[in-house]
Amino acid sequence: MKSYQANLSRPIIALMLLAGCGNNKPAAPTAPPAVAVTTQKVTQEMITTTDSYPGVVVPLNEVELRAEVGGSVTAIFVKDGQKVSKGQKLYEIDRTNYLAAYNSAKANLRVAKANYGKFKKDAERYTNLAKQEAVAKQRVDYALTDLENAASQVAVAEAAMEMAAANLKRSVIVSPLSGTIGISQVKPGALVVQGSTLLNTVSTNDPIAVDISINQQDINRFLKLQGNLAVRDSIFSVELPDKTTYRLNGKIVAVDRSIDPTTGTLKVRISYPNPTGNLVPGMVCKLNVLNKSKTQQVTIPYKAVMEQLGENLVYLVSDSSKAQQRLVKLGSKFGDKVVVTNGLKAGEVVVTEGSQNLRAGTVVKAQ
């Protein structure tokens, strides 16, 4: 009997204990700790950025040497890659036929001049006899006609001789400018065709140029730079394929006349002195152009920027030490900073480190 009473009392005691516990209020939730971040104030400053353009080294003067007369190559007077001067003999085409043609034309001219001299004397003689009425006027007319025909024959012979002399001269190809000749495209004995066979190429190397293509929105800027002479700190610097910087200063020498309709770009040519030959025609390089701001720009550390879904945003720290998201538009990047063209103003505070742990409204503790 006592065992039964004891067993019955145990549930009652448990219920009383639970009822007593139900009178206690739940503890208030504790606020999450502030997230430690690094911050920096948004500043304004005069900046100098660098715009980079892919470039190609090109000679300012370059001429393709093509045979102006046909025949076989009988002599090559220079070595491949040699420095040449204007007027220097480079190639010779077989001159046999052209020399013969010249001599023939020269002889024909002598005959034509001799005939002209004979008809001139006849015309003078008949004209004098006509004044004395010792010969018919018709005979004088014949003599004057013969003289005119002889003069025409002389003109024809002179033209033929000039052509023959020109062909004889063209059989020797000379350098049209002072520069460097390339690798010969023909060997001695090769048959060349007038006007089509490429013999070689001669180009100038000092000065030399770099061609770049710019976007349409940059045209006015480069037109303003076109009149600038080379300065102590060059606006245009060339980065060579080995990542070294070409130290000599350059200047714009030409801006193309029209925009390329396929790319929407305009070609600009910058000239450089090239005394050591470091810039080689055809070399691919990078042209860096200094872009100095005329007014103060809003700048922030680039590491403060986060990208989400194609948009750039930063976290700001409000007066209540809470993080706020702000969309921004970026301009040029320079060093470890970037220009902000819209979305921020000087004096605001942005988070530079620790952004990955933040959400809008997160309490932060600036370090």
Protein backbone atom coordinates (compact mmCIF):
# COMPACT_ATOMS: atom_id res chain seq x y z
CA MET A 1 0.00 0.00 0.00
CA LYS A 2 2.73 2.43 0.84
CA SER A 3 4.49 1.61 -2.45
CA TYR A 4 1.40 2.51 -4.45
CA GLN A 5 1.07 5.95 -2.73
CA ALA A 6 4.70 6.73 -3.39
CA ASN A 7 4.38 5.96 -7.07
CA LEU A 8 1.28 8.18 -7.35
CA SER A 9 2.96 11.16 -5.74
CA ARG A 10 5.85 11.30 -8.20
CA PRO A 11 3.83 12.56 -11.26
CA ILE A 12 2.10 15.15 -9.09
CA ILE A 13 5.42 16.54 -7.94
CA ALA A 14 6.68 16.68 -11.54
CA LEU A 15 3.60 18.61 -12.65
CA MET A 16 4.05 21.10 -9.83
CA LEU A 17 7.65 21.62 -10.81
CA LEU A 18 6.71 22.25 -14.45
CA ALA A 19 4.01 24.70 -13.44
CA GLY A 20 6.51 26.57 -11.33
CA CYS A 21 8.95 26.77 -14.23
CA GLY A 22 6.30 28.23 -16.54
CA ASN A 23 6.18 31.41 -14.52
CA ASN A 24 9.81 32.36 -15.52
CA LYS A 25 10.19 34.88 -18.49
CA PRO A 26 12.59 33.93 -21.43
CA ALA A 27 15.98 35.71 -21.45
CA ALA A 28 16.31 38.68 -23.93
CA PRO A 29 18.47 37.85 -27.05
CA THR A 30 21.94 39.33 -26.95
CA ALA A 31 23.07 41.69 -29.83
CA PRO A 32 25.64 40.21 -32.22
CA PRO A 33 29.12 41.59 -31.73
CA ALA A 34 30.31 44.40 -33.99
CA VAL A 35 32.28 43.28 -37.02
CA ALA A 36 35.83 44.58 -37.10
CA VAL A 37 36.63 46.37 -40.36
CA THR A 38 39.21 48.75 -41.75
CA THR A 39 37.90 52.05 -43.09
CA GLN A 40 39.15 55.09 -44.95
CA LYS A 41 37.70 58.45 -45.79
CA VAL A 42 36.79 59.26 -49.39
CA THR A 43 39.19 61.92 -50.72
CA GLN A 44 39.54 64.25 -53.66
CA GLU A 45 42.84 64.71 -55.47
CA MET A 46 44.50 65.67 -58.72
CA ILE A 47 45.41 62.41 -60.40
CA THR A 48 47.49 61.13 -63.29
CA THR A 49 46.29 57.90 -64.83
CA THR A 50 47.78 55.84 -67.64
CA ASP A 51 45.74 54.66 -70.61
CA SER A 52 47.24 51.74 -72.50
CA TYR A 53 46.84 50.98 -76.19
CA PRO A 54 48.18 48.05 -78.22
CA GLY A 55 50.66 49.40 -80.77
CA VAL A 56 52.70 48.30 -83.77
CA VAL A 57 56.09 49.75 -84.70
CA VAL A 58 56.11 51.06 -88.28
CA PRO A 59 58.72 52.91 -90.36
CA LEU A 60 57.92 56.51 -91.20
CA ASN A 61 59.23 55.89 -94.73
CA GLU A 62 59.15 52.53 -96.49
CA VAL A 63 59.45 51.68 -100.19
CA GLU A 64 58.93 48.36 -101.94
CA LEU A 65 61.48 47.79 -104.70
CA ARG A 66 59.90 46.32 -107.82
CA ALA A 67 61.45 45.80 -111.24
CA GLU A 68 60.48 48.56 -113.66
CA VAL A 69 61.77 46.53 -116.61
CA GLY A 70 61.68 42.81 -117.31
CA GLY A 71 64.61 40.46 -117.58
CA SER A 72 66.94 38.38 -115.47
CA VAL A 73 68.84 39.63 -112.42
CA THR A 74 72.50 39.92 -113.37
CA ALA A 75 73.87 41.51 -110.18
CA ILE A 76 72.99 42.27 -106.55
CA PHE A 77 75.22 44.97 -105.06
CA VAL A 78 74.17 44.86 -101.38
CA LYS A 79 73.85 42.33 -98.58
CA ASP A 80 70.60 41.52 -96.80
CA GLY A 81 69.88 43.87 -93.91
CA GLN A 82 72.57 46.34 -94.95
CA LYS A 83 72.41 50.06 -94.36
CA VAL A 84 71.99 51.87 -97.69
CA SER A 85 72.05 55.49 -98.79
CA LYS A 86 69.82 57.27 -101.27
CA GLY A 87 70.93 56.63 -104.89
CA GLN A 88 73.07 53.59 -104.02
CA LYS A 89 73.04 50.77 -106.60
CA LEU A 90 71.10 47.75 -105.37
CA TYR A 91 70.16 45.47 -108.30
CA GLU A 92 70.89 45.17 -112.00
CA ILE A 93 68.61 43.65 -114.63
CA ASP A 94 70.15 42.26 -117.84
CA ARG A 95 70.98 45.43 -119.82
CA THR A 96 71.86 43.83 -123.18
CA ASN A 97 68.56 44.46 -124.93
CA TYR A 98 68.05 47.86 -123.32
CA LEU A 99 71.52 49.04 -124.32
CA ALA A 100 70.93 47.86 -127.88
CA ALA A 101 67.56 49.62 -127.97
CA TYR A 102 69.18 52.81 -126.71
CA ASN A 103 71.95 52.70 -129.34
CA SER A 104 69.36 52.04 -132.06
CA ALA A 105 67.20 54.93 -130.91
CA LYS A 106 70.27 57.17 -130.76
CA ALA A 107 71.17 56.26 -134.37
CA ASN A 108 67.58 56.83 -135.55
CA LEU A 109 67.67 60.25 -133.96
CA ARG A 110 70.83 61.14 -135.84
CA VAL A 111 69.19 60.06 -139.14
CA ALA A 112 66.06 62.06 -138.35
CA LYS A 113 68.11 65.15 -137.56
CA ALA A 114 70.11 64.74 -140.76
CA ASN A 115 66.93 64.49 -142.81
CA TYR A 116 65.57 67.52 -141.06
CA GLY A 117 68.71 69.49 -141.93
CA LYS A 118 68.39 68.50 -145.63
CA PHE A 119 64.69 69.45 -145.81
CA LYS A 120 65.42 72.69 -144.02
CA LYS A 121 68.00 73.69 -146.63
CA ASP A 122 65.62 72.72 -149.44
CA ALA A 123 62.83 74.78 -147.93
CA GLU A 124 65.11 77.81 -147.57
CA ARG A 125 66.38 77.46 -151.13
CA TYR A 126 62.92 77.12 -152.68
CA THR A 127 61.62 79.98 -150.60
CA ASN A 128 64.38 82.27 -151.93
CA LEU A 129 63.73 81.13 -155.51
CA ALA A 130 60.05 81.81 -155.07
CA LYS A 131 60.87 85.39 -154.10
CA GLN A 132 62.64 85.70 -157.46
CA GLU A 133 59.72 83.95 -159.17
CA ALA A 134 62.17 81.28 -160.35
CA VAL A 135 60.14 78.35 -159.03
CA ALA A 136 56.51 77.49 -158.72
CA LYS A 137 54.85 78.26 -155.39
CA GLN A 138 53.59 74.70 -155.26
CA ARG A 139 57.18 73.48 -155.08
CA VAL A 140 57.76 75.72 -152.10
CA ASP A 141 54.70 74.27 -150.39
CA TYR A 142 56.04 70.75 -150.94
CA ALA A 143 59.37 71.75 -149.45
CA LEU A 144 57.76 73.27 -146.36
CA THR A 145 55.61 70.15 -145.88
CA ASP A 146 58.68 67.93 -146.11
CA LEU A 147 60.38 70.11 -143.54
CA GLU A 148 57.43 69.83 -141.15
CA ASN A 149 57.35 66.05 -141.54
CA ALA A 150 61.09 65.88 -140.88
CA ALA A 151 60.63 67.90 -137.70
CA SER A 152 57.96 65.44 -136.58
CA GLN A 153 60.33 62.54 -137.30
CA VAL A 154 62.96 64.19 -135.12
CA ALA A 155 60.41 64.54 -132.30
CA VAL A 156 59.45 60.87 -132.63
CA ALA A 157 63.10 59.81 -132.63
CA GLU A 158 63.83 61.94 -129.58
CA ALA A 159 60.89 60.38 -127.69
CA ALA A 160 62.07 56.88 -128.65
CA MET A 161 65.56 57.70 -127.46
CA GLU A 162 64.27 59.07 -124.15
CA MET A 163 62.24 55.90 -123.61
CA ALA A 164 65.22 53.70 -124.46
CA ALA A 165 67.45 55.74 -122.13
CA ALA A 166 64.87 55.48 -119.34
CA ASN A 167 64.60 51.70 -119.72
CA LEU A 168 68.38 51.42 -119.72
CA LYS A 169 68.50 53.49 -116.53
CA ARG A 170 65.70 51.45 -114.93
CA SER A 171 67.68 48.28 -115.51
CA VAL A 172 69.78 49.41 -112.53
CA ILE A 173 67.69 49.72 -109.36
CA VAL A 174 68.96 52.29 -106.86
CA SER A 175 67.81 53.01 -103.32
CA PRO A 176 65.09 55.69 -103.20
CA LEU A 177 66.02 56.68 -99.63
CA SER A 178 68.60 56.22 -96.92
CA GLY A 179 67.75 53.42 -94.53
CA THR A 180 67.97 49.67 -94.15
CA ILE A 181 67.29 47.12 -96.87
CA GLY A 182 65.52 43.88 -96.05
CA ILE A 183 66.14 40.30 -97.16
CA SER A 184 66.25 39.98 -100.94
CA GLN A 185 63.28 38.26 -102.55
CA VAL A 186 65.26 37.28 -105.67
CA LYS A 187 68.64 35.73 -106.43
CA PRO A 188 71.06 36.37 -109.33
CA GLY A 189 69.67 34.82 -112.49
CA ALA A 190 66.04 35.08 -111.40
CA LEU A 191 63.60 36.28 -114.07
CA VAL A 192 61.64 39.35 -113.01
CA VAL A 193 58.48 40.78 -114.52
CA GLN A 194 58.11 44.51 -115.05
CA GLY A 195 56.00 46.19 -112.36
CA SER A 196 55.09 43.03 -110.42
CA THR A 197 58.16 41.23 -109.11
CA LEU A 198 59.08 42.37 -105.58
CA LEU A 199 62.84 42.59 -105.21
CA ASN A 200 63.19 43.94 -101.67
CA THR A 201 62.02 46.63 -99.26
CA VAL A 202 63.91 49.67 -97.96
CA SER A 203 62.77 51.55 -94.87
CA THR A 204 64.01 54.26 -92.54
CA ASN A 205 64.60 53.29 -88.90
CA ASP A 206 65.48 56.61 -87.27
CA PRO A 207 63.11 58.20 -86.58
CA ILE A 208 60.49 55.47 -86.40
CA ALA A 209 56.84 55.40 -85.31
CA VAL A 210 54.26 53.48 -83.30
CA ASP A 211 50.69 53.18 -84.62
CA ILE A 212 47.76 52.84 -82.22
CA SER A 213 43.98 52.81 -82.68
CA ILE A 214 41.89 55.02 -80.38
CA ASN A 215 38.18 55.07 -79.62
CA GLN A 216 36.00 57.84 -80.99
CA GLN A 217 35.52 59.47 -77.57
CA ASP A 218 39.29 60.00 -77.30
CA ILE A 219 39.67 61.83 -80.63
CA ASN A 220 39.48 65.38 -79.25
CA ARG A 221 42.01 64.56 -76.56
CA PHE A 222 44.56 63.28 -79.07
CA LEU A 223 43.94 66.17 -81.46
CA LYS A 224 44.88 68.52 -78.60
CA LEU A 225 48.01 66.47 -77.92
CA GLN A 226 49.00 66.48 -81.60
CA GLY A 227 50.62 69.90 -81.45
CA ASN A 228 52.71 69.07 -78.38
CA LEU A 229 56.45 68.64 -78.89
CA ALA A 230 58.40 65.96 -77.05
CA VAL A 231 58.71 67.00 -73.40
CA ARG A 232 61.00 66.10 -70.54
CA ASP A 233 58.42 63.69 -69.07
CA SER A 234 56.98 62.17 -72.20
CA ILE A 235 53.22 61.79 -72.43
CA PHE A 236 53.73 58.72 -74.60
CA SER A 237 55.87 55.83 -73.35
CA VAL A 238 56.43 52.51 -75.10
CA GLU A 239 56.46 49.21 -73.23
CA LEU A 240 58.54 46.73 -75.22
CA PRO A 241 57.77 42.99 -75.50
CA ASP A 242 60.33 42.22 -72.77
CA LYS A 243 58.37 44.55 -70.41
CA THR A 244 61.09 47.22 -70.42
CA THR A 245 60.18 50.84 -71.10
CA TYR A 246 61.59 52.74 -74.08
CA ARG A 247 63.03 55.88 -72.54
CA LEU A 248 63.09 58.34 -75.44
CA ASN A 249 60.24 60.81 -75.87
CA GLY A 250 57.72 60.68 -78.67
CA LYS A 251 55.20 63.01 -80.29
CA ILE A 252 52.14 62.66 -82.48
CA VAL A 253 53.00 63.14 -86.15
CA ALA A 254 49.73 62.05 -87.78
CA VAL A 255 46.08 61.41 -87.02
CA ASP A 256 44.28 59.43 -89.71
CA ARG A 257 41.73 61.24 -91.87
CA SER A 258 38.77 58.94 -91.14
CA ILE A 259 37.42 56.38 -88.68
CA ASP A 260 37.61 52.72 -89.60
CA PRO A 261 33.93 51.73 -90.06
CA THR A 262 34.58 48.10 -89.10
CA THR A 263 36.16 48.87 -85.71
CA GLY A 264 34.98 52.40 -84.97
CA THR A 265 38.55 53.44 -84.18
CA LEU A 266 40.95 56.06 -85.51
CA LYS A 267 44.64 55.46 -86.20
CA VAL A 268 47.21 57.71 -84.51
CA ARG A 269 50.94 57.68 -85.30
CA ILE A 270 53.56 58.68 -82.69
CA SER A 271 57.13 59.29 -83.83
CA TYR A 272 60.22 58.33 -81.79
CA PRO A 273 63.96 58.79 -82.26
CA ASN A 274 65.53 55.36 -82.69
CA PRO A 275 69.32 55.78 -82.70
CA THR A 276 70.05 52.34 -81.23
CA GLY A 277 67.47 50.46 -83.31
CA ASN A 278 65.57 49.09 -80.30
CA LEU A 279 62.30 49.73 -82.09
CA VAL A 280 62.03 47.32 -85.03
CA PRO A 281 59.35 47.63 -87.75
CA GLY A 282 56.55 45.15 -87.14
CA MET A 283 57.24 44.87 -83.39
CA VAL A 284 54.11 44.61 -81.22
CA CYS A 285 54.25 46.81 -78.14
CA LYS A 286 52.07 48.68 -75.66
CA LEU A 287 51.78 52.46 -75.74
CA ASN A 288 51.05 54.10 -72.38
CA VAL A 289 49.53 57.58 -72.47
CA LEU A 290 49.51 59.82 -69.38
CA ASN A 291 46.11 61.28 -68.57
CA LYS A 292 46.40 64.19 -66.14
CA SER A 293 43.12 65.42 -64.59
CA LYS A 294 42.28 69.12 -64.79
CA THR A 295 40.06 69.02 -61.68
CA GLN A 296 40.11 67.11 -58.42
CA GLN A 297 38.61 63.62 -58.63
CA VAL A 298 36.87 61.52 -55.98
CA THR A 299 39.13 58.54 -55.23
CA ILE A 300 39.03 55.45 -53.01
CA PRO A 301 41.25 52.41 -52.56
CA TYR A 302 40.42 49.89 -55.27
CA LYS A 303 40.19 47.09 -52.69
CA ALA A 304 37.09 48.80 -51.23
CA VAL A 305 35.10 47.97 -54.38
CA MET A 306 33.00 44.80 -54.61
CA GLU A 307 31.39 43.50 -57.78
CA GLN A 308 27.96 41.87 -57.74
CA LEU A 309 25.91 40.97 -60.80
CA GLY A 310 27.97 43.24 -63.01
CA GLU A 311 27.64 46.28 -60.72
CA ASN A 312 30.19 47.88 -58.41
CA LEU A 313 29.35 48.65 -54.83
CA VAL A 314 31.06 49.71 -51.63
CA TYR A 315 30.14 49.58 -47.96
CA LEU A 316 29.84 52.89 -46.14
CA VAL A 317 29.97 53.35 -42.37
CA SER A 318 27.19 55.61 -41.11
CA ASP A 319 27.23 57.80 -38.00
CA SER A 320 25.52 54.96 -36.12
CA SER A 321 28.43 52.64 -37.03
CA LYS A 322 26.22 50.55 -39.29
CA ALA A 323 27.25 49.33 -42.74
CA GLN A 324 25.37 50.65 -45.74
CA GLN A 325 25.64 49.46 -49.34
CA ARG A 326 26.16 52.05 -52.09
CA LEU A 327 26.34 51.47 -55.86
CA VAL A 328 29.16 53.40 -57.51
CA LYS A 329 30.41 54.09 -61.02
CA LEU A 330 34.15 53.81 -61.54
CA GLY A 331 36.56 55.76 -63.71
CA SER A 332 40.26 55.23 -64.34
CA LYS A 333 42.36 53.01 -62.07
CA PHE A 334 45.77 54.25 -60.99
CA GLY A 335 48.11 52.45 -58.66
CA ASP A 336 46.05 50.93 -55.83
CA LYS A 337 43.29 53.55 -56.19
CA VAL A 338 40.36 54.13 -58.51
CA VAL A 339 38.36 57.20 -59.53
CA VAL A 340 34.67 57.18 -58.56
CA THR A 341 32.64 59.17 -61.06
CA ASN A 342 29.27 58.74 -59.32
CA GLY A 343 27.96 57.48 -55.98
CA LEU A 344 30.37 58.94 -53.44
CA LYS A 345 31.48 62.30 -52.14
CA ALA A 346 34.52 63.43 -50.26
CA GLY A 347 34.41 62.89 -46.50
CA GLU A 348 32.30 59.74 -46.51
CA VAL A 349 33.82 56.65 -44.92
CA VAL A 350 34.17 53.40 -46.87
CA VAL A 351 35.15 49.95 -45.70
CA THR A 352 38.43 48.85 -47.24
CA GLU A 353 38.91 45.50 -45.47
CA GLY A 354 36.34 43.12 -44.02
CA SER A 355 33.55 43.80 -46.53
CA GLN A 356 33.06 40.07 -47.12
CA ASN A 357 31.65 39.76 -43.58
CA LEU A 358 29.12 42.57 -43.91
CA ARG A 359 25.49 42.97 -44.80
CA ALA A 360 23.39 46.12 -44.93
CA GLY A 361 22.77 47.24 -41.32
CA THR A 362 25.64 45.27 -39.80
CA VAL A 363 27.21 47.05 -36.84
CA VAL A 364 30.87 47.59 -37.48
CA LYS A 365 33.86 48.54 -35.42
CA ALA A 366 36.44 50.52 -37.35
CA GLN A 367 40.06 49.70 -36.70
